[in-house]
N, C-alpha and C. Protein backbone atom coordinates (compact mmCIF):
# COMPACT_ATOMS: atom_id res chain seq x y z
N GLN A 1 22.36 -2.05 15.28
CA GLN A 1 21.20 -2.90 15.04
C GLN A 1 20.27 -2.20 14.03
N VAL A 2 20.03 -2.86 12.93
CA VAL A 2 19.14 -2.31 11.91
C VAL A 2 17.70 -2.54 12.33
N GLN A 3 16.90 -1.52 12.19
CA GLN A 3 15.47 -1.64 12.47
C GLN A 3 14.69 -1.10 11.28
N LEU A 4 13.60 -1.77 10.96
CA LEU A 4 12.73 -1.38 9.85
C LEU A 4 11.30 -1.25 10.35
N GLN A 5 10.60 -0.26 9.86
CA GLN A 5 9.23 -0.02 10.29
C GLN A 5 8.37 0.33 9.09
N GLU A 6 7.34 -0.49 8.87
CA GLU A 6 6.39 -0.24 7.78
C GLU A 6 5.33 0.77 8.21
N SER A 7 4.87 1.55 7.27
CA SER A 7 3.75 2.47 7.54
C SER A 7 2.93 2.63 6.28
N GLY A 8 1.66 2.91 6.49
CA GLY A 8 0.77 3.09 5.37
C GLY A 8 -0.64 2.67 5.73
N PRO A 9 -1.59 2.91 4.84
CA PRO A 9 -2.98 2.57 5.14
C PRO A 9 -3.19 1.08 5.24
N GLY A 10 -4.04 0.69 6.16
CA GLY A 10 -4.33 -0.72 6.35
C GLY A 10 -5.49 -1.20 5.50
N LEU A 11 -6.18 -0.27 4.86
CA LEU A 11 -7.34 -0.62 4.04
C LEU A 11 -7.23 0.09 2.70
N VAL A 12 -7.32 -0.68 1.65
CA VAL A 12 -7.25 -0.15 0.29
C VAL A 12 -8.45 -0.68 -0.49
N LYS A 13 -9.02 0.15 -1.32
CA LYS A 13 -10.16 -0.28 -2.12
C LYS A 13 -9.70 -1.00 -3.37
N PRO A 14 -10.48 -1.95 -3.84
CA PRO A 14 -10.12 -2.64 -5.09
C PRO A 14 -9.91 -1.64 -6.23
N SER A 15 -8.94 -1.94 -7.05
CA SER A 15 -8.52 -1.17 -8.22
C SER A 15 -7.64 0.03 -7.86
N GLN A 16 -7.53 0.33 -6.57
CA GLN A 16 -6.66 1.44 -6.17
C GLN A 16 -5.21 0.99 -6.02
N THR A 17 -4.36 1.94 -5.72
CA THR A 17 -2.94 1.65 -5.54
C THR A 17 -2.59 1.59 -4.07
N LEU A 18 -1.96 0.49 -3.69
CA LEU A 18 -1.45 0.31 -2.33
C LEU A 18 -0.09 0.99 -2.24
N SER A 19 0.09 1.80 -1.21
CA SER A 19 1.37 2.48 -1.03
C SER A 19 1.83 2.31 0.41
N LEU A 20 3.00 1.73 0.58
CA LEU A 20 3.59 1.51 1.90
C LEU A 20 5.01 2.07 1.93
N THR A 21 5.39 2.57 3.08
CA THR A 21 6.73 3.11 3.26
C THR A 21 7.44 2.36 4.36
N CYS A 22 8.72 2.12 4.16
CA CYS A 22 9.57 1.48 5.16
C CYS A 22 10.63 2.48 5.60
N THR A 23 10.65 2.75 6.89
CA THR A 23 11.66 3.64 7.46
C THR A 23 12.74 2.80 8.12
N VAL A 24 13.97 3.04 7.72
CA VAL A 24 15.10 2.25 8.21
C VAL A 24 15.93 3.08 9.19
N SER A 25 16.28 2.48 10.30
CA SER A 25 17.19 3.11 11.26
C SER A 25 18.31 2.14 11.59
N GLY A 26 19.44 2.70 12.03
CA GLY A 26 20.58 1.87 12.38
C GLY A 26 21.44 1.48 11.20
N GLY A 27 21.14 2.02 10.05
CA GLY A 27 21.93 1.73 8.86
C GLY A 27 21.37 2.49 7.67
N SER A 28 22.22 2.79 6.72
CA SER A 28 21.80 3.56 5.55
C SER A 28 21.38 2.64 4.40
N ILE A 29 20.33 3.02 3.71
CA ILE A 29 19.87 2.22 2.58
C ILE A 29 20.78 2.36 1.37
N THR A 30 21.77 3.24 1.45
CA THR A 30 22.73 3.39 0.35
C THR A 30 24.04 2.67 0.63
N THR A 31 24.13 2.01 1.77
CA THR A 31 25.36 1.30 2.11
C THR A 31 25.58 0.12 1.18
N HIS A 32 26.78 0.06 0.57
CA HIS A 32 27.14 -1.10 -0.24
C HIS A 32 27.15 -2.36 0.63
N TYR A 33 26.72 -3.40 0.27
CA TYR A 33 26.04 -3.86 -0.93
C TYR A 33 24.69 -4.43 -0.50
N TYR A 34 23.93 -3.60 0.23
CA TYR A 34 22.67 -4.10 0.77
C TYR A 34 21.50 -3.86 -0.19
N TYR A 35 20.53 -4.76 -0.06
CA TYR A 35 19.30 -4.70 -0.83
C TYR A 35 18.14 -4.59 0.14
N TRP A 36 17.08 -3.93 -0.29
CA TRP A 36 15.95 -3.64 0.59
C TRP A 36 14.67 -4.11 -0.10
N SER A 37 14.04 -5.08 0.52
CA SER A 37 12.93 -5.79 -0.13
C SER A 37 11.57 -5.51 0.50
N TRP A 38 10.56 -5.78 -0.30
CA TRP A 38 9.20 -5.90 0.18
C TRP A 38 8.78 -7.36 0.00
N ILE A 39 8.14 -7.90 1.02
CA ILE A 39 7.72 -9.28 1.07
C ILE A 39 6.32 -9.30 1.66
N ARG A 40 5.49 -10.21 1.23
CA ARG A 40 4.15 -10.29 1.79
C ARG A 40 3.77 -11.72 2.11
N GLN A 41 2.80 -11.85 2.99
CA GLN A 41 2.27 -13.15 3.37
C GLN A 41 0.75 -13.10 3.40
N PRO A 42 0.11 -13.64 2.37
CA PRO A 42 -1.35 -13.70 2.39
C PRO A 42 -1.83 -14.65 3.47
N PRO A 43 -3.04 -14.50 3.92
CA PRO A 43 -3.54 -15.37 4.99
C PRO A 43 -3.49 -16.83 4.58
N GLY A 44 -2.90 -17.63 5.44
CA GLY A 44 -2.84 -19.07 5.20
C GLY A 44 -1.82 -19.50 4.16
N LYS A 45 -0.97 -18.56 3.71
CA LYS A 45 0.01 -18.89 2.68
C LYS A 45 1.41 -18.53 3.14
N GLY A 46 2.39 -18.88 2.34
CA GLY A 46 3.77 -18.61 2.67
C GLY A 46 4.20 -17.21 2.27
N LEU A 47 5.46 -16.92 2.55
CA LEU A 47 6.01 -15.62 2.20
C LEU A 47 6.20 -15.51 0.68
N GLU A 48 5.91 -14.33 0.17
CA GLU A 48 6.08 -14.04 -1.25
C GLU A 48 6.94 -12.79 -1.41
N TRP A 49 8.05 -12.93 -2.07
CA TRP A 49 8.92 -11.78 -2.33
C TRP A 49 8.30 -10.93 -3.43
N ILE A 50 8.25 -9.62 -3.23
CA ILE A 50 7.63 -8.70 -4.18
C ILE A 50 8.68 -8.01 -5.04
N GLY A 51 9.75 -7.54 -4.39
CA GLY A 51 10.79 -6.84 -5.13
C GLY A 51 11.76 -6.18 -4.20
N TYR A 52 12.83 -5.63 -4.77
CA TYR A 52 13.79 -4.91 -3.95
C TYR A 52 14.30 -3.66 -4.66
N ILE A 53 14.86 -2.78 -3.85
CA ILE A 53 15.64 -1.66 -4.35
C ILE A 53 17.03 -1.81 -3.75
N ALA A 54 18.03 -1.72 -4.58
CA ALA A 54 19.40 -1.94 -4.14
C ALA A 54 20.02 -0.65 -3.60
N TYR A 55 21.18 -0.82 -2.97
CA TYR A 55 21.94 0.32 -2.44
C TYR A 55 22.20 1.36 -3.54
N SER A 56 22.30 0.88 -4.77
CA SER A 56 22.58 1.73 -5.91
C SER A 56 21.34 2.44 -6.44
N GLY A 57 20.19 1.99 -6.02
CA GLY A 57 18.93 2.51 -6.53
C GLY A 57 18.30 1.66 -7.61
N SER A 58 19.00 0.64 -8.06
CA SER A 58 18.41 -0.25 -9.06
C SER A 58 17.33 -1.10 -8.40
N THR A 59 16.41 -1.58 -9.21
CA THR A 59 15.28 -2.35 -8.69
C THR A 59 15.13 -3.68 -9.42
N ALA A 60 14.45 -4.60 -8.76
CA ALA A 60 14.09 -5.88 -9.35
C ALA A 60 12.77 -6.30 -8.74
N TYR A 61 11.95 -6.97 -9.56
CA TYR A 61 10.61 -7.33 -9.11
C TYR A 61 10.31 -8.78 -9.42
N SER A 62 9.39 -9.34 -8.64
CA SER A 62 8.87 -10.66 -8.93
C SER A 62 8.17 -10.62 -10.28
N PRO A 63 8.44 -11.60 -11.13
CA PRO A 63 7.80 -11.60 -12.46
C PRO A 63 6.27 -11.57 -12.39
N SER A 64 5.73 -12.20 -11.37
CA SER A 64 4.27 -12.28 -11.28
C SER A 64 3.64 -10.96 -10.87
N LEU A 65 4.43 -10.05 -10.31
CA LEU A 65 3.89 -8.77 -9.83
C LEU A 65 4.51 -7.58 -10.55
N LYS A 66 5.44 -7.83 -11.41
CA LYS A 66 6.26 -6.76 -12.00
C LYS A 66 5.43 -5.68 -12.68
N SER A 67 4.37 -6.09 -13.37
CA SER A 67 3.59 -5.12 -14.14
C SER A 67 2.84 -4.14 -13.25
N ARG A 68 2.68 -4.49 -11.95
CA ARG A 68 1.89 -3.64 -11.06
C ARG A 68 2.73 -3.01 -9.94
N THR A 69 4.03 -3.28 -9.94
CA THR A 69 4.86 -2.91 -8.79
C THR A 69 5.87 -1.83 -9.13
N SER A 70 6.06 -0.93 -8.17
CA SER A 70 7.13 0.05 -8.26
C SER A 70 7.71 0.25 -6.86
N ILE A 71 9.02 0.18 -6.76
CA ILE A 71 9.70 0.46 -5.50
C ILE A 71 10.64 1.64 -5.71
N SER A 72 10.54 2.61 -4.84
CA SER A 72 11.37 3.80 -4.92
C SER A 72 11.95 4.11 -3.55
N ARG A 73 12.77 5.15 -3.47
CA ARG A 73 13.39 5.48 -2.19
C ARG A 73 13.57 6.97 -2.02
N ASP A 74 13.69 7.37 -0.76
CA ASP A 74 14.03 8.74 -0.40
C ASP A 74 15.26 8.64 0.51
N THR A 75 16.41 8.86 -0.06
CA THR A 75 17.64 8.67 0.71
C THR A 75 17.78 9.71 1.83
N SER A 76 17.18 10.88 1.65
CA SER A 76 17.27 11.91 2.70
C SER A 76 16.52 11.49 3.96
N LYS A 77 15.52 10.64 3.78
CA LYS A 77 14.74 10.16 4.92
C LYS A 77 15.09 8.71 5.29
N ASN A 78 15.97 8.11 4.52
CA ASN A 78 16.33 6.69 4.70
C ASN A 78 15.08 5.81 4.66
N GLN A 79 14.27 6.03 3.64
CA GLN A 79 13.02 5.29 3.46
C GLN A 79 12.95 4.70 2.06
N PHE A 80 12.23 3.60 1.94
CA PHE A 80 11.88 3.10 0.62
C PHE A 80 10.40 2.75 0.60
N THR A 81 9.82 2.86 -0.57
CA THR A 81 8.36 2.82 -0.70
C THR A 81 7.93 1.79 -1.74
N LEU A 82 6.86 1.11 -1.42
CA LEU A 82 6.23 0.15 -2.33
C LEU A 82 4.95 0.75 -2.87
N GLN A 83 4.75 0.65 -4.16
CA GLN A 83 3.46 0.96 -4.76
C GLN A 83 3.02 -0.24 -5.57
N LEU A 84 1.82 -0.73 -5.27
CA LEU A 84 1.24 -1.86 -5.97
C LEU A 84 -0.10 -1.39 -6.53
N SER A 85 -0.21 -1.37 -7.83
CA SER A 85 -1.39 -0.79 -8.46
C SER A 85 -2.48 -1.83 -8.71
N THR A 86 -3.65 -1.31 -8.94
CA THR A 86 -4.81 -2.13 -9.33
C THR A 86 -4.99 -3.33 -8.41
N VAL A 87 -5.07 -3.07 -7.13
CA VAL A 87 -5.15 -4.17 -6.16
C VAL A 87 -6.51 -4.87 -6.24
N THR A 88 -6.48 -6.14 -5.88
CA THR A 88 -7.68 -6.97 -5.76
C THR A 88 -7.65 -7.60 -4.37
N PRO A 89 -8.73 -8.27 -3.97
CA PRO A 89 -8.71 -8.94 -2.66
C PRO A 89 -7.57 -9.94 -2.51
N GLU A 90 -7.05 -10.45 -3.64
CA GLU A 90 -5.93 -11.40 -3.56
C GLU A 90 -4.63 -10.73 -3.11
N ASP A 91 -4.61 -9.41 -3.09
CA ASP A 91 -3.43 -8.69 -2.61
C ASP A 91 -3.47 -8.43 -1.11
N ALA A 92 -4.53 -8.83 -0.46
CA ALA A 92 -4.59 -8.69 0.99
C ALA A 92 -3.56 -9.60 1.64
N ALA A 93 -2.79 -9.03 2.56
CA ALA A 93 -1.69 -9.78 3.16
C ALA A 93 -1.06 -8.95 4.27
N VAL A 94 -0.18 -9.59 5.00
CA VAL A 94 0.73 -8.85 5.86
C VAL A 94 1.95 -8.51 5.01
N TYR A 95 2.26 -7.23 4.94
CA TYR A 95 3.38 -6.76 4.13
C TYR A 95 4.56 -6.43 5.04
N TYR A 96 5.71 -6.96 4.66
CA TYR A 96 6.94 -6.73 5.41
C TYR A 96 7.98 -6.02 4.54
N CYS A 97 8.74 -5.15 5.15
CA CYS A 97 9.96 -4.68 4.51
C CYS A 97 11.12 -5.38 5.19
N ALA A 98 12.18 -5.56 4.45
CA ALA A 98 13.30 -6.35 4.95
C ALA A 98 14.59 -5.91 4.30
N ARG A 99 15.70 -6.22 4.99
CA ARG A 99 17.01 -6.03 4.36
C ARG A 99 17.42 -7.35 3.75
N GLY A 100 17.58 -7.34 2.45
CA GLY A 100 17.95 -8.57 1.77
C GLY A 100 17.33 -8.61 0.39
N ASP A 101 17.61 -9.69 -0.30
CA ASP A 101 17.10 -9.84 -1.66
C ASP A 101 16.12 -11.01 -1.70
N HIS A 102 15.91 -11.55 -2.90
CA HIS A 102 14.92 -12.61 -3.05
C HIS A 102 15.41 -13.95 -2.51
N TYR A 103 16.69 -14.06 -2.18
CA TYR A 103 17.22 -15.30 -1.62
C TYR A 103 17.23 -15.30 -0.10
N TYR A 104 17.59 -14.18 0.47
CA TYR A 104 17.81 -14.14 1.92
C TYR A 104 17.64 -12.73 2.46
N SER A 105 16.97 -12.62 3.60
CA SER A 105 16.84 -11.36 4.32
C SER A 105 17.18 -11.60 5.77
N ASP A 106 17.91 -10.63 6.35
CA ASP A 106 18.33 -10.84 7.73
C ASP A 106 17.59 -9.96 8.75
N TYR A 107 17.04 -8.85 8.29
CA TYR A 107 16.26 -8.00 9.20
C TYR A 107 14.90 -7.74 8.56
N PHE A 108 13.86 -7.82 9.39
CA PHE A 108 12.50 -7.61 8.93
C PHE A 108 11.82 -6.56 9.80
N GLY A 109 10.89 -5.83 9.21
CA GLY A 109 9.98 -5.02 10.00
C GLY A 109 8.96 -5.91 10.67
N GLN A 110 8.14 -5.33 11.49
CA GLN A 110 7.15 -6.13 12.22
C GLN A 110 5.98 -6.54 11.33
N GLY A 111 5.84 -5.89 10.19
CA GLY A 111 4.77 -6.21 9.27
C GLY A 111 3.55 -5.33 9.48
N THR A 112 2.83 -5.12 8.40
CA THR A 112 1.61 -4.33 8.48
C THR A 112 0.52 -5.04 7.67
N GLN A 113 -0.65 -5.17 8.27
CA GLN A 113 -1.77 -5.84 7.62
C GLN A 113 -2.43 -4.91 6.62
N VAL A 114 -2.62 -5.41 5.42
CA VAL A 114 -3.34 -4.66 4.39
C VAL A 114 -4.58 -5.45 3.97
N THR A 115 -5.71 -4.81 4.06
CA THR A 115 -6.98 -5.40 3.64
C THR A 115 -7.43 -4.68 2.38
N VAL A 116 -7.96 -5.45 1.44
CA VAL A 116 -8.49 -4.87 0.21
C VAL A 116 -10.00 -5.09 0.21
N SER A 117 -10.71 -4.00 0.32
CA SER A 117 -12.17 -4.09 0.42
C SER A 117 -12.79 -2.74 0.09
N SER A 118 -13.97 -2.80 -0.50
CA SER A 118 -14.69 -1.57 -0.78
C SER A 118 -15.56 -1.15 0.40
């Protein structure tokens, strides 16, 4: 059973960089042919895919967030990390990590609330 757990600060100041880490257990993030995504849900809105890092280490991002997003990984810790720069209050959301790509994900973390405020 794959389990994912998000961690990181719940409060970020405007213009700063949001950084979240997803720790995966029950499976390796380098296993062919899995993809590992970050997804968010702003209050009152639907899910928004942010980007993924593939088993190979390649990445892909949502066009609307690409200029501010970076996803990396630490294979020794079986973790992958989201960095979203220059945040504004519009980036406040529940952030989820998941196994899957922009079409489909089968395992999700429980989610972590991120507030953007000074």
